[in-house]
PDB file of N, CA and C in Angstrom:
ATOM      1  N   MET A   1     106.837  87.728 109.464  1.00  0.00           N
ATOM      2  CA  MET A   1     107.258  88.733 108.154  1.00  0.00           C
ATOM      3  C   MET A   1     108.343  88.143 107.448  1.00  0.00           C
ATOM      4  N   THR A   2     108.078  87.659 106.407  1.00  0.00           N
ATOM      5  CA  THR A   2     109.190  87.388 105.493  1.00  0.00           C
ATOM      6  C   THR A   2     110.203  88.401 104.995  1.00  0.00           C
ATOM      7  N   GLN A   3     109.800  89.602 104.754  1.00  0.00           N
ATOM      8  CA  GLN A   3     110.577  90.733 104.380  1.00  0.00           C
ATOM      9  C   GLN A   3     111.310  91.309 105.452  1.00  0.00           C
ATOM     10  N   SER A   4     112.510  91.666 105.397  1.00  0.00           N
ATOM     11  CA  SER A   4     113.032  92.297 106.511  1.00  0.00           C
ATOM     12  C   SER A   4     113.560  93.747 106.171  1.00  0.00           C
ATOM     13  N   ILE A   5     113.620  94.610 107.110  1.00  0.00           N
ATOM     14  CA  ILE A   5     114.068  95.990 106.729  1.00  0.00           C
ATOM     15  C   ILE A   5     115.446  96.151 106.905  1.00  0.00           C
ATOM     16  N   SER A   6     115.996  97.083 106.013  1.00  0.00           N
ATOM     17  CA  SER A   6     117.448  97.240 105.999  1.00  0.00           C
ATOM     18  C   SER A   6     117.830  98.185 107.157  1.00  0.00           C
ATOM     19  N   PRO A   7     119.016  98.047 107.830  1.00  0.00           N
ATOM     20  CA  PRO A   7     119.382  98.912 108.933  1.00  0.00           C
ATOM     21  C   PRO A   7     119.367 100.324 108.356  1.00  0.00           C
ATOM     22  N   GLU A   8     119.646 100.799 107.175  1.00  0.00           N
ATOM     23  CA  GLU A   8     119.585 102.056 106.995  1.00  0.00           C
ATOM     24  C   GLU A   8     118.079 102.638 106.829  1.00  0.00           C
ATOM     25  N   GLU A   9     117.126 101.802 106.258  1.00  0.00           N
ATOM     26  CA  GLU A   9     115.697 102.318 106.380  1.00  0.00           C
ATOM     27  C   GLU A   9     115.150 102.539 107.667  1.00  0.00           C
ATOM     28  N   LEU A  10     115.714 101.568 108.578  1.00  0.00           N
ATOM     29  CA  LEU A  10     115.287 101.627 110.109  1.00  0.00           C
ATOM     30  C   LEU A  10     115.684 102.839 110.717  1.00  0.00           C
ATOM     31  N   ALA A  11     116.911 103.000 110.407  1.00  0.00           N
ATOM     32  CA  ALA A  11     117.660 104.324 110.967  1.00  0.00           C
ATOM     33  C   ALA A  11     116.983 105.555 110.520  1.00  0.00           C
ATOM     34  N   ALA A  12     116.467 105.610 109.342  1.00  0.00           N
ATOM     35  CA  ALA A  12     115.826 106.694 108.725  1.00  0.00           C
ATOM     36  C   ALA A  12     114.626 106.963 109.375  1.00  0.00           C
ATOM     37  N   ILE A  13     113.724 105.781 109.489  1.00  0.00           N
ATOM     38  CA  ILE A  13     112.397 105.855 110.207  1.00  0.00           C
ATOM     39  C   ILE A  13     112.610 106.373 111.549  1.00  0.00           C
ATOM     40  N   GLN A  14     113.774 105.910 112.254  1.00  0.00           N
ATOM     41  CA  GLN A  14     113.897 106.125 113.818  1.00  0.00           C
ATOM     42  C   GLN A  14     114.312 107.732 113.794  1.00  0.00           C
ATOM     43  N   GLY A  15     115.125 108.122 112.862  1.00  0.00           N
ATOM     44  CA  GLY A  15     115.370 109.881 112.891  1.00  0.00           C
ATOM     45  C   GLY A  15     113.969 110.508 112.784  1.00  0.00           C
ATOM     46  N   HIS A  16     113.175 110.167 111.934  1.00  0.00           N
ATOM     47  CA  HIS A  16     111.808 110.902 111.786  1.00  0.00           C
ATOM     48  C   HIS A  16     110.934 110.701 112.991  1.00  0.00           C
ATOM     49  N   PHE A  17     110.894 109.513 113.612  1.00  0.00           N
ATOM     50  CA  PHE A  17     110.166 109.164 114.827  1.00  0.00           C
ATOM     51  C   PHE A  17     110.767 110.120 116.056  1.00  0.00           C
ATOM     52  N   HIS A  18     111.884 110.234 116.143  1.00  0.00           N
ATOM     53  CA  HIS A  18     112.551 111.003 117.126  1.00  0.00           C
ATOM     54  C   HIS A  18     112.180 112.508 117.005  1.00  0.00           C
ATOM     55  N   ASP A  19     112.251 113.050 115.473  1.00  0.00           N
ATOM     56  CA  ASP A  19     111.693 114.445 115.346  1.00  0.00           C
ATOM     57  C   ASP A  19     110.353 114.568 115.711  1.00  0.00           C
ATOM     58  N   CYS A  20     109.480 113.485 115.524  1.00  0.00           N
ATOM     59  CA  CYS A  20     108.051 113.611 115.802  1.00  0.00           C
ATOM     60  C   CYS A  20     107.697 113.728 117.279  1.00  0.00           C
ATOM     61  N   ILE A  21     108.589 112.946 118.104  1.00  0.00           N
ATOM     62  CA  ILE A  21     108.613 112.904 119.606  1.00  0.00           C
ATOM     63  C   ILE A  21     108.898 114.264 120.100  1.00  0.00           C
ATOM     64  N   ILE A  22     109.885 114.759 119.583  1.00  0.00           N
ATOM     65  CA  ILE A  22     110.442 116.361 119.993  1.00  0.00           C
ATOM     66  C   ILE A  22     109.282 117.334 119.700  1.00  0.00           C
ATOM     67  N   GLY A  23     108.760 117.191 118.423  1.00  0.00           N
ATOM     68  CA  GLY A  23     107.676 117.935 118.043  1.00  0.00           C
ATOM     69  C   GLY A  23     106.438 117.938 118.818  1.00  0.00           C
ATOM     70  N   ARG A  24     106.282 116.778 119.199  1.00  0.00           N
ATOM     71  CA  ARG A  24     105.023 116.603 120.118  1.00  0.00           C
ATOM     72  C   ARG A  24     105.285 117.076 121.578  1.00  0.00           C
ATOM     73  N   SER A  25     106.305 116.821 121.913  1.00  0.00           N
ATOM     74  CA  SER A  25     106.781 117.105 123.434  1.00  0.00           C
ATOM     75  C   SER A  25     107.423 118.323 123.664  1.00  0.00           C
ATOM     76  N   HIS A  26     107.918 119.115 122.786  1.00  0.00           N
ATOM     77  CA  HIS A  26     108.619 120.410 122.676  1.00  0.00           C
ATOM     78  C   HIS A  26     109.630 120.398 123.710  1.00  0.00           C
ATOM     79  N   ASN A  27     110.385 118.983 123.837  1.00  0.00           N
ATOM     80  CA  ASN A  27     111.498 118.809 124.916  1.00  0.00           C
ATOM     81  C   ASN A  27     112.631 118.035 124.298  1.00  0.00           C
ATOM     82  N   LYS A  28     113.492 118.720 123.907  1.00  0.00           N
ATOM     83  CA  LYS A  28     114.870 118.261 123.126  1.00  0.00           C
ATOM     84  C   LYS A  28     115.772 117.595 124.351  1.00  0.00           C
ATOM     85  N   GLU A  29     115.494 117.887 125.484  1.00  0.00           N
ATOM     86  CA  GLU A  29     116.286 117.235 126.653  1.00  0.00           C
ATOM     87  C   GLU A  29     116.205 115.551 126.452  1.00  0.00           C
ATOM     88  N   LEU A  30     115.011 115.084 125.796  1.00  0.00           N
ATOM     89  CA  LEU A  30     114.578 113.651 125.516  1.00  0.00           C
ATOM     90  C   LEU A  30     115.685 112.984 124.593  1.00  0.00           C
ATOM     91  N   LEU A  31     116.550 113.639 124.006  1.00  0.00           N
ATOM     92  CA  LEU A  31     117.262 112.982 122.915  1.00  0.00           C
ATOM     93  C   LEU A  31     118.158 111.887 123.345  1.00  0.00           C
ATOM     94  N   GLU A  32     118.603 112.101 124.586  1.00  0.00           N
ATOM     95  CA  GLU A  32     119.507 111.015 125.170  1.00  0.00           C
ATOM     96  C   GLU A  32     118.760 109.737 125.589  1.00  0.00           C
ATOM     97  N   ALA A  33     117.309 109.705 125.741  1.00  0.00           N
ATOM     98  CA  ALA A  33     116.732 108.589 126.022  1.00  0.00           C
ATOM     99  C   ALA A  33     115.537 108.261 125.031  1.00  0.00           C
ATOM    100  N   MET A  34     115.745 108.421 123.841  1.00  0.00           N
ATOM    101  CA  MET A  34     114.767 108.123 122.833  1.00  0.00           C
ATOM    102  C   MET A  34     114.666 106.474 122.495  1.00  0.00           C
ATOM    103  N   PRO A  35     113.608 106.086 122.178  1.00  0.00           N
ATOM    104  CA  PRO A  35     113.508 104.693 121.764  1.00  0.00           C
ATOM    105  C   PRO A  35     114.490 104.258 120.510  1.00  0.00           C
ATOM    106  N   ASN A  36     114.991 103.001 120.844  1.00  0.00           N
ATOM    107  CA  ASN A  36     115.970 102.405 119.709  1.00  0.00           C
ATOM    108  C   ASN A  36     115.091 101.257 118.984  1.00  0.00           C
ATOM    109  N   LEU A  37     114.706 101.626 117.698  1.00  0.00           N
ATOM    110  CA  LEU A  37     113.733 100.846 117.093  1.00  0.00           C
ATOM    111  C   LEU A  37     114.504  99.365 116.799  1.00  0.00           C
ATOM    112  N   ALA A  38     115.727  99.515 116.594  1.00  0.00           N
ATOM    113  CA  ALA A  38     116.502  98.151 116.276  1.00  0.00           C
ATOM    114  C   ALA A  38     116.311  97.198 117.429  1.00  0.00           C
ATOM    115  N   THR A  39     116.232  97.650 118.740  1.00  0.00           N
ATOM    116  CA  THR A  39     115.925  96.815 119.906  1.00  0.00           C
ATOM    117  C   THR A  39     114.525  96.604 120.181  1.00  0.00           C
ATOM    118  N   ASP A  40     113.713  97.657 119.968  1.00  0.00           N
ATOM    119  CA  ASP A  40     112.362  97.771 120.634  1.00  0.00           C
ATOM    120  C   ASP A  40     111.279  96.921 119.830  1.00  0.00           C
ATOM    121  N   LEU A  41     111.539  96.753 118.419  1.00  0.00           N
ATOM    122  CA  LEU A  41     110.677  96.229 117.444  1.00  0.00           C
ATOM    123  C   LEU A  41     111.192  94.980 117.093  1.00  0.00           C
ATOM    124  N   ARG A  42     110.526  93.845 117.609  1.00  0.00           N
ATOM    125  CA  ARG A  42     110.877  92.420 117.411  1.00  0.00           C
ATOM    126  C   ARG A  42     109.982  91.822 116.392  1.00  0.00           C
ATOM    127  N   ALA A  43     108.701  92.107 116.195  1.00  0.00           N
ATOM    128  CA  ALA A  43     107.783  91.336 115.258  1.00  0.00           C
ATOM    129  C   ALA A  43     106.855  92.401 114.682  1.00  0.00           C
ATOM    130  N   ASP A  44     106.481  92.190 113.482  1.00  0.00           N
ATOM    131  CA  ASP A  44     105.617  92.829 112.820  1.00  0.00           C
ATOM    132  C   ASP A  44     104.376  92.971 113.504  1.00  0.00           C
ATOM    133  N   GLY A  45     103.893  94.267 113.861  1.00  0.00           N
ATOM    134  CA  GLY A  45     102.468  94.636 114.457  1.00  0.00           C
ATOM    135  C   GLY A  45     102.715  94.469 115.976  1.00  0.00           C
ATOM    136  N   LYS A  46     103.814  94.153 116.694  1.00  0.00           N
ATOM    137  CA  LYS A  46     104.094  94.338 117.838  1.00  0.00           C
ATOM    138  C   LYS A  46     104.119  95.529 118.473  1.00  0.00           C
ATOM    139  N   GLN A  47     103.386  96.132 119.260  1.00  0.00           N
ATOM    140  CA  GLN A  47     103.399  97.442 119.682  1.00  0.00           C
ATOM    141  C   GLN A  47     104.328  97.632 120.873  1.00  0.00           C
ATOM    142  N   SER A  48     104.899  98.716 120.939  1.00  0.00           N
ATOM    143  CA  SER A  48     105.808  99.194 121.918  1.00  0.00           C
ATOM    144  C   SER A  48     105.450 100.421 122.419  1.00  0.00           C
ATOM    145  N   TRP A  49     105.900 100.898 123.616  1.00  0.00           N
ATOM    146  CA  TRP A  49     105.451 102.094 124.365  1.00  0.00           C
ATOM    147  C   TRP A  49     106.402 102.944 124.658  1.00  0.00           C
ATOM    148  N   TYR A  50     106.559 104.243 124.487  1.00  0.00           N
ATOM    149  CA  TYR A  50     107.472 105.251 125.096  1.00  0.00           C
ATOM    150  C   TYR A  50     106.891 106.231 125.781  1.00  0.00           C
ATOM    151  N   ALA A  51     106.987 106.321 127.090  1.00  0.00           N
ATOM    152  CA  ALA A  51     106.437 107.278 127.852  1.00  0.00           C
ATOM    153  C   ALA A  51     107.254 108.634 127.936  1.00  0.00           C
ATOM    154  N   VAL A  52     106.668 109.707 127.669  1.00  0.00           N
ATOM    155  CA  VAL A  52     107.217 110.929 127.340  1.00  0.00           C
ATOM    156  C   VAL A  52     107.131 111.771 128.763  1.00  0.00           C
ATOM    157  N   PRO A  53     108.338 112.059 129.523  1.00  0.00           N
ATOM    158  CA  PRO A  53     108.250 112.732 130.593  1.00  0.00           C
ATOM    159  C   PRO A  53     107.652 114.319 130.324  1.00  0.00           C
ATOM    160  N   GLY A  54     106.789 114.729 131.273  1.00  0.00           N
ATOM    161  CA  GLY A  54     106.163 115.979 131.140  1.00  0.00           C
ATOM    162  C   GLY A  54     105.041 116.152 130.164  1.00  0.00           C
ATOM    163  N   MET A  55     104.793 114.931 129.365  1.00  0.00           N
ATOM    164  CA  MET A  55     103.653 114.876 128.363  1.00  0.00           C
ATOM    165  C   MET A  55     102.481 114.246 129.048  1.00  0.00           C
ATOM    166  N   TYR A  56     102.625 113.593 130.257  1.00  0.00           N
ATOM    167  CA  TYR A  56     101.562 112.736 130.841  1.00  0.00           C
ATOM    168  C   TYR A  56     101.127 111.860 129.886  1.00  0.00           C
ATOM    169  N   GLY A  57     101.798 111.163 129.187  1.00  0.00           N
ATOM    170  CA  GLY A  57     101.288 110.348 127.944  1.00  0.00           C
ATOM    171  C   GLY A  57     102.560 109.720 127.379  1.00  0.00           C
ATOM    172  N   GLY A  58     102.322 109.445 126.173  1.00  0.00           N
ATOM    173  CA  GLY A  58     103.488 108.974 125.381  1.00  0.00           C
ATOM    174  C   GLY A  58     103.066 108.312 124.002  1.00  0.00           C
ATOM    175  N   PHE A  59     103.912 107.477 123.372  1.00  0.00           N
ATOM    176  CA  PHE A  59     103.621 107.043 121.985  1.00  0.00           C
ATOM    177  C   PHE A  59     103.548 105.385 122.200  1.00  0.00           C
ATOM    178  N   ASN A  60     102.598 104.781 121.657  1.00  0.00           N
ATOM    179  CA  ASN A  60     102.541 103.497 121.101  1.00  0.00           C
ATOM    180  C   ASN A  60     103.029 103.536 119.800  1.00  0.00           C
ATOM    181  N   TYR A  61     103.921 102.435 119.447  1.00  0.00           N
ATOM    182  CA  TYR A  61     104.403 102.303 118.032  1.00  0.00           C
ATOM    183  C   TYR A  61     104.481 100.814 117.607  1.00  0.00           C
ATOM    184  N   SER A  62     104.391 100.678 116.330  1.00  0.00           N
ATOM    185  CA  SER A  62     104.725  99.330 115.596  1.00  0.00           C
ATOM    186  C   SER A  62     105.015  99.649 114.328  1.00  0.00           C
ATOM    187  N   LEU A  63     105.828  98.601 113.806  1.00  0.00           N
ATOM    188  CA  LEU A  63     106.280  98.625 112.268  1.00  0.00           C
ATOM    189  C   LEU A  63     105.572  97.557 111.638  1.00  0.00           C
ATOM    190  N   THR A  64     105.033  98.160 110.567  1.00  0.00           N
ATOM    191  CA  THR A  64     104.494  97.291 109.537  1.00  0.00           C
ATOM    192  C   THR A  64     104.623  97.828 108.120  1.00  0.00           C
ATOM    193  N   ILE A  65     103.991  96.965 107.181  1.00  0.00           N
ATOM    194  CA  ILE A  65     104.361  97.300 105.752  1.00  0.00           C
ATOM    195  C   ILE A  65     102.837  97.823 105.401  1.00  0.00           C
ATOM    196  N   ILE A  66     102.933  99.033 104.876  1.00  0.00           N
ATOM    197  CA  ILE A  66     101.550  99.537 104.064  1.00  0.00           C
ATOM    198  C   ILE A  66     101.916  99.989 102.790  1.00  0.00           C
ATOM    199  N   ASP A  67     101.062  99.517 102.093  1.00  0.00           N
ATOM    200  CA  ASP A  67     101.387  99.611 100.573  1.00  0.00           C
ATOM    201  C   ASP A  67     102.694  99.424 100.040  1.00  0.00           C
ATOM    202  N   ASN A  68     103.237  98.230 100.591  1.00  0.00           N
ATOM    203  CA  ASN A  68     104.612  97.803 100.149  1.00  0.00           C
ATOM    204  C   ASN A  68     105.808  98.728 100.580  1.00  0.00           C
ATOM    205  N   VAL A  69     105.381  99.659 101.564  1.00  0.00           N
ATOM    206  CA  VAL A  69     106.391 100.509 102.266  1.00  0.00           C
ATOM    207  C   VAL A  69     106.526 100.221 103.684  1.00  0.00           C
ATOM    208  N   TRP A  70     107.727  99.966 104.446  1.00  0.00           N
ATOM    209  CA  TRP A  70     107.802  99.945 105.794  1.00  0.00           C
ATOM    210  C   TRP A  70     107.492 101.050 106.504  1.00  0.00           C
ATOM    211  N   THR A  71     106.401 100.948 107.298  1.00  0.00           N
ATOM    212  CA  THR A  71     105.941 102.241 108.024  1.00  0.00           C
ATOM    213  C   THR A  71     105.747 101.972 109.544  1.00  0.00           C
ATOM    214  N   LEU A  72     106.245 103.076 110.199  1.00  0.00           N
ATOM    215  CA  LEU A  72     106.025 102.960 111.778  1.00  0.00           C
ATOM    216  C   LEU A  72     104.818 103.585 111.987  1.00  0.00           C
ATOM    217  N   VAL A  73     103.772 102.951 112.522  1.00  0.00           N
ATOM    218  CA  VAL A  73     102.669 103.595 112.908  1.00  0.00           C
ATOM    219  C   VAL A  73     102.446 103.933 114.359  1.00  0.00           C
ATOM    220  N   THR A  74     102.396 105.293 114.595  1.00  0.00           N
ATOM    221  CA  THR A  74     102.564 105.779 116.059  1.00  0.00           C
ATOM    222  C   THR A  74     101.143 106.498 116.508  1.00  0.00           C
ATOM    223  N   GLU A  75     100.852 106.195 117.581  1.00  0.00           N
ATOM    224  CA  GLU A  75      99.746 106.949 118.399  1.00  0.00           C
ATOM    225  C   GLU A  75     100.287 107.674 119.544  1.00  0.00           C
ATOM    226  N   SER A  76      99.971 108.811 119.809  1.00  0.00           N
ATOM    227  CA  SER A  76     100.419 109.731 120.806  1.00  0.00           C
ATOM    228  C   SER A  76      99.350 110.652 121.449  1.00  0.00           C
ATOM    229  N   ALA A  77      99.185 110.678 122.726  1.00  0.00           N
ATOM    230  CA  ALA A  77      98.391 111.676 123.270  1.00  0.00           C
ATOM    231  C   ALA A  77      98.757 111.835 124.708  1.00  0.00           C
ATOM    232  N   SER A  78      98.098 112.806 125.390  1.00  0.00           N
ATOM    233  CA  SER A  78      98.310 113.167 126.878  1.00  0.00           C
ATOM    234  C   SER A  78      97.227 112.595 127.400  1.00  0.00           C
ATOM    235  N   ARG A  79      97.311 111.912 128.421  1.00  0.00           N
ATOM    236  CA  ARG A  79      96.132 111.350 129.154  1.00  0.00           C
ATOM    237  C   ARG A  79      95.489 112.188 130.001  1.00  0.00           C
ATOM    238  N   ILE A  80      95.976 113.543 130.151  1.00  0.00           N
ATOM    239  CA  ILE A  80      95.270 114.604 131.051  1.00  0.00           C
ATOM    240  C   ILE A  80      94.373 115.440 130.050  1.00  0.00           C
ATOM    241  N   ALA A  81      94.603 115.571 128.886  1.00  0.00           N
ATOM    242  CA  ALA A  81      93.959 116.410 127.927  1.00  0.00           C
ATOM    243  C   ALA A  81      93.151 115.848 126.979  1.00  0.00           C
ATOM    244  N   ASP A  82      91.983 115.767 126.913  1.00  0.00           N
ATOM    245  CA  ASP A  82      91.099 115.167 125.810  1.00  0.00           C
ATOM    246  C   ASP A  82      91.399 115.769 124.551  1.00  0.00           C
ATOM    247  N   GLY A  83      91.224 114.917 123.493  1.00  0.00           N
ATOM    248  CA  GLY A  83      91.365 115.550 122.134  1.00  0.00           C
ATOM    249  C   GLY A  83      92.799 115.512 121.577  1.00  0.00           C
ATOM    250  N   THR A  84      93.928 115.071 122.451  1.00  0.00           N
ATOM    251  CA  THR A  84      95.143 115.411 122.063  1.00  0.00           C
ATOM    252  C   THR A  84      95.718 114.418 121.248  1.00  0.00           C
ATOM    253  N   GLY A  85      95.080 113.206 120.903  1.00  0.00           N
ATOM    254  CA  GLY A  85      95.696 112.115 120.294  1.00  0.00           C
ATOM    255  C   GLY A  85      95.899 112.259 118.801  1.00  0.00           C
ATOM    256  N   GLN A  86      97.129 111.934 118.378  1.00  0.00           N
ATOM    257  CA  GLN A  86      97.767 112.006 116.834  1.00  0.00           C
ATOM    258  C   GLN A  86      98.214 110.634 116.448  1.00  0.00           C
ATOM    259  N   ARG A  87      97.585 110.316 115.370  1.00  0.00           N
ATOM    260  CA  ARG A  87      98.447 109.212 114.763  1.00  0.00           C
ATOM    261  C   ARG A  87      99.293 109.566 113.602  1.00  0.00           C
ATOM    262  N   HIS A  88     100.505 109.040 113.627  1.00  0.00           N
ATOM    263  CA  HIS A  88     101.424 109.456 112.441  1.00  0.00           C
ATOM    264  C   HIS A  88     101.636 108.061 111.683  1.00  0.00           C
ATOM    265  N   HIS A  89     102.034 108.079 110.480  1.00  0.00           N
ATOM    266  CA  HIS A  89     102.726 106.956 109.593  1.00  0.00           C
ATOM    267  C   HIS A  89     104.202 107.651 109.279  1.00  0.00           C
ATOM    268  N   ILE A  90     105.100 107.017 109.699  1.00  0.00           N
ATOM    269  CA  ILE A  90     106.642 107.285 109.594  1.00  0.00           C
ATOM    270  C   ILE A  90     107.206 106.476 108.419  1.00  0.00           C
ATOM    271  N   THR A  91     107.801 106.799 107.417  1.00  0.00           N
ATOM    272  CA  THR A  91     108.538 106.070 106.555  1.00  0.00           C
ATOM    273  C   THR A  91     109.886 106.786 106.590  1.00  0.00           C
ATOM    274  N   ARG A  92     110.693 106.045 105.772  1.00  0.00           N
ATOM    275  CA  ARG A  92     112.113 106.556 105.364  1.00  0.00           C
ATOM    276  C   ARG A  92     111.944 108.016 104.912  1.00  0.00           C
ATOM    277  N   ASN A  93     110.919 108.545 104.287  1.00  0.00           N
ATOM    278  CA  ASN A  93     110.728 109.909 103.580  1.00  0.00           C
ATOM    279  C   ASN A  93     110.172 110.882 104.622  1.00  0.00           C
ATOM    280  N   GLY A  94     109.733 110.584 105.791  1.00  0.00           N
ATOM    281  CA  GLY A  94     109.160 111.585 106.815  1.00  0.00           C
ATOM    282  C   GLY A  94     107.826 110.934 107.343  1.00  0.00           C
ATOM    283  N   ALA A  95     107.544 111.924 108.248  1.00  0.00           N
ATOM    284  CA  ALA A  95     106.207 111.553 108.904  1.00  0.00           C
ATOM    285  C   ALA A  95     104.973 112.181 108.467  1.00  0.00           C
ATOM    286  N   THR A  96     104.056 111.701 108.382  1.00  0.00           N
ATOM    287  CA  THR A  96     102.647 112.107 108.087  1.00  0.00           C
ATOM    288  C   THR A  96     101.682 112.020 108.976  1.00  0.00           C
ATOM    289  N   LEU A  97     100.909 112.992 109.382  1.00  0.00           N
ATOM    290  CA  LEU A  97      99.913 112.968 110.390  1.00  0.00           C
ATOM    291  C   LEU A  97      98.684 112.599 109.704  1.00  0.00           C
ATOM    292  N   VAL A  98      98.124 111.378 110.241  1.00  0.00           N
ATOM    293  CA  VAL A  98      97.070 110.816 109.499  1.00  0.00           C
ATOM    294  C   VAL A  98      95.696 110.728 110.183  1.00  0.00           C
ATOM    295  N   GLU A  99      95.796 111.183 111.475  1.00  0.00           N
ATOM    296  CA  GLU A  99      94.560 111.397 112.200  1.00  0.00           C
ATOM    297  C   GLU A  99      94.878 112.285 113.430  1.00  0.00           C
ATOM    298  N   ASP A 100      93.930 113.345 113.858  1.00  0.00           N
ATOM    299  CA  ASP A 100      94.197 114.020 114.790  1.00  0.00           C
ATOM    300  C   ASP A 100      93.150 114.346 115.590  1.00  0.00           C
ATOM    301  N   GLY A 101      93.026 114.709 117.002  1.00  0.00           N
ATOM    302  CA  GLY A 101      91.931 114.981 117.799  1.00  0.00           C
ATOM    303  C   GLY A 101      91.279 113.970 118.492  1.00  0.00           C
ATOM    304  N   PHE A 102      91.748 112.719 118.465  1.00  0.00           N
ATOM    305  CA  PHE A 102      91.103 111.570 119.324  1.00  0.00           C
ATOM    306  C   PHE A 102      91.394 111.449 120.672  1.00  0.00           C
TER     307      PHE A 102
END
């Protein structure tokens, strides 16, 4: 990837990602162990995994550019409950649910 993301934009995306994790897991105690995108994401399209305690699942996530905007693409689900999958696109402006129920 020739274009790099600014630390400020990455921090904004990370904040919205953390909000998404809290919203999906309903567990604010996770705040101390949240993913750090600056260290987790090393290459465009490379997926990382965050296991959410108590959710019996977690989040796959990768950073890419969609329509010229840096976007964190996340997929989350509980492995014990069918149909709980959600896909979000997260930018510096917030998180958007783009698919639900898989």
